[in-house]
Amino acid sequence: MNTAHRPVSHRQLPDWLTEGTAAVDEGGHGRRGIVQFIGEWEDPATRRVTDCAIFLRPEDGGAEWIVADHRTLTQG
């Protein structure tokens, strides 16, 4: 069975990656933020839907950003 296109479920996320935890976005130039929400997100440019996108906000406040691939995040 080919699982290459199977959407990521919450069960496939690392145990440390939960709402309220600190994470470093290595794909976003090392930005550090707090996980606000994990859920569905549709990329407005490609219309591709990500089931387990990670919504982060800087620790000191500011604009939220979205990470579609949890593999770019490290525990922070």
Protein backbone atom coordinates (compact mmCIF):
# COMPACT_ATOMS: atom_id res chain seq x y z
CA MET A 1 0.00 0.00 0.00
CA ASN A 2 1.37 3.42 -0.95
CA THR A 3 1.15 5.88 1.97
CA ALA A 4 2.96 8.77 0.29
CA HIS A 5 -0.22 10.79 -0.16
CA ARG A 6 -1.95 9.82 3.07
CA PRO A 7 -2.74 12.91 5.18
CA VAL A 8 -0.98 13.29 8.51
CA SER A 9 -3.13 12.53 11.52
CA HIS A 10 -2.67 13.81 15.04
CA ARG A 11 -1.39 10.33 15.96
CA GLN A 12 1.55 10.74 13.56
CA LEU A 13 2.74 13.99 15.16
CA PRO A 14 5.61 13.82 17.69
CA ASP A 15 4.44 13.40 21.29
CA TRP A 16 5.94 16.76 22.30
CA LEU A 17 4.01 18.67 19.61
CA THR A 18 0.83 19.78 21.38
CA GLU A 19 -1.06 23.02 21.80
CA GLY A 20 0.71 25.34 24.24
CA THR A 21 4.23 24.00 23.71
CA ALA A 22 7.20 25.98 22.42
CA ALA A 23 8.60 25.08 19.02
CA VAL A 24 11.35 26.33 16.72
CA ASP A 25 10.50 26.58 13.03
CA GLU A 26 13.74 25.49 11.34
CA GLY A 27 12.05 25.99 7.96
CA GLY A 28 11.21 29.58 8.92
CA HIS A 29 14.70 30.84 9.74
CA GLY A 30 14.66 29.55 13.30
CA ARG A 31 11.60 31.50 14.46
CA ARG A 32 10.44 30.44 17.90
CA GLY A 33 6.76 30.32 18.80
CA ILE A 34 4.04 28.74 20.88
CA VAL A 35 1.71 26.21 19.25
CA GLN A 36 -1.74 27.81 19.26
CA PHE A 37 -3.71 25.27 17.29
CA ILE A 38 -3.27 22.08 15.27
CA GLY A 39 -5.84 21.56 12.57
CA GLU A 40 -6.94 21.83 8.97
CA TRP A 41 -5.59 24.63 6.77
CA GLU A 42 -6.03 25.34 3.07
CA ASP A 43 -3.15 27.05 1.28
CA PRO A 44 -4.77 29.99 -0.55
CA ALA A 45 -2.22 29.85 -3.37
CA THR A 46 -2.39 26.14 -4.19
CA ARG A 47 -5.75 25.24 -2.61
CA ARG A 48 -4.00 22.24 -1.04
CA VAL A 49 -5.52 21.18 2.28
CA THR A 50 -3.28 20.16 5.17
CA ASP A 51 -5.11 18.21 7.87
CA CYS A 52 -2.61 18.81 10.69
CA ALA A 53 -1.13 22.23 10.06
CA ILE A 54 0.58 23.84 13.03
CA PHE A 55 -0.48 27.41 13.90
CA LEU A 56 2.21 29.26 15.87
CA ARG A 57 2.47 32.67 17.51
CA PRO A 58 5.69 34.36 18.71
CA GLU A 59 6.19 34.14 22.48
CA ASP A 60 6.16 37.92 22.82
CA GLY A 61 3.04 38.34 20.68
CA GLY A 62 2.76 39.30 17.06
CA ALA A 63 1.51 37.75 13.87
CA GLU A 64 0.64 34.07 13.80
CA TRP A 65 2.20 31.89 11.13
CA ILE A 66 1.31 28.45 9.83
CA VAL A 67 3.58 25.48 9.29
CA ALA A 68 2.14 22.85 6.95
CA ASP A 69 4.87 20.23 7.55
CA HIS A 70 5.53 19.42 11.20
CA ARG A 71 8.93 17.94 10.29
CA THR A 72 10.37 21.47 10.02
CA LEU A 73 9.68 22.03 13.73
CA THR A 74 11.89 21.13 16.67
CA GLN A 75 11.03 21.24 20.33
CA GLY A 76 11.93 24.62 21.71
